[in-house]
């Protein structure tokens, strides 16, 4: 096991770890999927019915225990009337994620905003049920 002298060293090492990066992307996807589901007013049961699956599978998805393929991700998003997109950037870009800002209504504003650290923390806590 590698010992680190600082959190910065650990973080730098994680940013090159494929398993960590995969889990990070799964978490990002499930957070965005959950936000979109709430925005659309769709329940887990309704989403399960739309994709011909069980509510238990949807719960598994949100716990991060599902083995995602691009086809599965597309199916989940499409069932809610959404569209799956990807954004590829260079490693040097510090914060490549942008979120569509919702105004609390059923329509999204035309403004795209870069999330703050607080946005990530709030999303993480809500996703974990805290």
Protein backbone atom coordinates (compact mmCIF):
# COMPACT_ATOMS: atom_id res chain seq x y z
CA UNK A 1 0.00 0.00 0.00
CA UNK A 2 1.31 3.42 -0.94
CA UNK A 3 1.85 5.94 1.84
CA UNK A 4 1.20 9.59 1.13
CA UNK A 5 2.69 12.66 2.78
CA UNK A 6 -0.30 14.84 1.97
CA UNK A 7 -3.87 14.71 0.78
CA UNK A 8 -2.71 16.47 -2.40
CA UNK A 9 -0.38 13.58 -3.19
CA UNK A 10 -3.18 11.06 -2.65
CA UNK A 11 -5.56 13.11 -4.82
CA UNK A 12 -2.99 13.40 -7.62
CA UNK A 13 -2.52 9.63 -7.57
CA UNK A 14 -6.28 9.00 -7.64
CA UNK A 15 -6.70 11.19 -10.69
CA UNK A 16 -4.62 8.60 -12.60
CA UNK A 17 -6.32 5.51 -11.14
CA UNK A 18 -8.68 3.89 -13.69
CA UNK A 19 -10.90 2.24 -11.07
CA UNK A 20 -11.36 5.54 -9.23
CA UNK A 21 -12.08 7.40 -12.48
CA UNK A 22 -14.66 4.78 -13.49
CA UNK A 23 -16.45 5.03 -10.14
CA UNK A 24 -16.32 8.82 -10.32
CA UNK A 25 -18.03 8.76 -13.73
CA UNK A 26 -20.66 6.29 -12.51
CA UNK A 27 -21.40 8.62 -9.60
CA UNK A 28 -21.64 11.63 -11.92
CA UNK A 29 -24.01 9.76 -14.21
CA UNK A 30 -26.26 8.52 -11.40
CA UNK A 31 -26.38 11.98 -9.81
CA UNK A 32 -27.38 13.58 -13.09
CA UNK A 33 -29.88 10.79 -13.79
CA UNK A 34 -31.46 11.28 -10.37
CA UNK A 35 -31.63 15.07 -10.81
CA UNK A 36 -33.23 14.64 -14.22
CA UNK A 37 -35.70 12.09 -12.85
CA UNK A 38 -36.73 14.49 -10.06
CA UNK A 39 -36.97 17.38 -12.51
CA UNK A 40 -39.29 15.33 -14.71
CA UNK A 41 -41.33 14.16 -11.71
CA UNK A 42 -40.71 10.49 -12.51
CA UNK A 43 -40.65 7.88 -9.75
CA UNK A 44 -38.34 4.85 -9.63
CA UNK A 45 -41.38 2.67 -10.26
CA UNK A 46 -42.36 4.66 -13.35
CA UNK A 47 -38.80 4.58 -14.70
CA UNK A 48 -38.65 0.82 -14.15
CA UNK A 49 -41.91 0.37 -16.05
CA UNK A 50 -40.66 2.56 -18.91
CA UNK A 51 -37.56 0.39 -19.42
CA UNK A 52 -39.30 -2.92 -18.71
CA UNK A 53 -37.39 -3.58 -15.52
CA UNK A 54 -37.99 -3.82 -11.78
CA UNK A 55 -37.93 -1.04 -9.24
CA UNK A 56 -35.19 -3.04 -7.48
CA UNK A 57 -32.99 -2.61 -10.57
CA UNK A 58 -33.51 1.17 -10.51
CA UNK A 59 -32.53 1.20 -6.83
CA UNK A 60 -29.43 -0.79 -7.78
CA UNK A 61 -28.62 1.81 -10.43
CA UNK A 62 -28.79 4.64 -7.89
CA UNK A 63 -26.67 2.77 -5.39
CA UNK A 64 -23.98 2.50 -8.06
CA UNK A 65 -24.16 -1.29 -8.16
CA UNK A 66 -25.30 -1.64 -11.77
CA UNK A 67 -22.88 -2.53 -14.52
CA UNK A 68 -23.51 0.25 -17.02
CA UNK A 69 -23.14 -0.01 -20.75
CA UNK A 70 -23.69 2.96 -23.02
CA UNK A 71 -26.83 1.17 -24.23
CA UNK A 72 -28.19 0.91 -20.67
CA UNK A 73 -27.36 4.53 -19.91
CA UNK A 74 -29.08 5.62 -23.13
CA UNK A 75 -32.14 3.48 -22.36
CA UNK A 76 -32.51 5.00 -18.87
CA UNK A 77 -32.19 8.58 -20.08
CA UNK A 78 -34.34 8.09 -23.17
CA UNK A 79 -37.15 6.55 -21.07
CA UNK A 80 -37.44 9.91 -19.30
CA UNK A 81 -37.50 11.91 -22.51
CA UNK A 82 -33.84 12.85 -22.24
CA UNK A 83 -30.76 12.58 -24.36
CA UNK A 84 -27.41 11.16 -23.28
CA UNK A 85 -24.40 13.24 -24.23
CA UNK A 86 -20.70 12.95 -23.54
CA UNK A 87 -18.07 15.61 -23.14
CA UNK A 88 -14.43 14.64 -23.67
CA UNK A 89 -11.73 17.05 -22.47
CA UNK A 90 -8.03 17.12 -21.87
CA UNK A 91 -6.68 16.18 -18.45
CA UNK A 92 -5.43 19.72 -18.02
CA UNK A 93 -8.99 21.09 -17.85
CA UNK A 94 -9.65 21.54 -14.13
CA UNK A 95 -13.45 21.32 -14.05
CA UNK A 96 -14.86 19.98 -17.31
CA UNK A 97 -18.41 19.42 -16.01
CA UNK A 98 -21.16 21.89 -16.77
CA UNK A 99 -24.75 21.54 -15.60
CA UNK A 100 -27.95 22.81 -17.15
CA UNK A 101 -29.51 25.14 -14.61
CA UNK A 102 -33.17 24.56 -13.78
CA UNK A 103 -35.35 27.35 -12.50
CA UNK A 104 -37.54 25.04 -10.39
CA UNK A 105 -40.16 24.76 -13.11
CA UNK A 106 -40.56 22.07 -15.71
CA UNK A 107 -38.41 23.97 -18.19
CA UNK A 108 -34.67 24.50 -18.11
CA UNK A 109 -33.23 27.95 -18.42
CA UNK A 110 -30.98 28.67 -21.34
CA UNK A 111 -28.15 29.44 -18.95
CA UNK A 112 -25.40 26.87 -18.46
CA UNK A 113 -23.46 27.17 -15.25
CA UNK A 114 -20.27 25.72 -13.94
CA UNK A 115 -20.98 23.89 -10.66
CA UNK A 116 -19.38 25.10 -7.48
CA UNK A 117 -17.81 22.89 -4.82
CA UNK A 118 -20.97 23.43 -2.78
CA UNK A 119 -23.12 22.07 -5.65
CA UNK A 120 -21.09 18.85 -5.71
CA UNK A 121 -21.29 18.47 -1.92
CA UNK A 122 -25.04 19.06 -1.89
CA UNK A 123 -25.58 16.61 -4.76
CA UNK A 124 -23.41 14.00 -3.07
CA UNK A 125 -25.28 14.32 0.25
CA UNK A 126 -28.67 14.14 -1.46
CA UNK A 127 -27.57 11.11 -3.51
CA UNK A 128 -26.41 9.33 -0.37
CA UNK A 129 -29.67 10.14 1.39
CA UNK A 130 -28.06 12.37 4.02
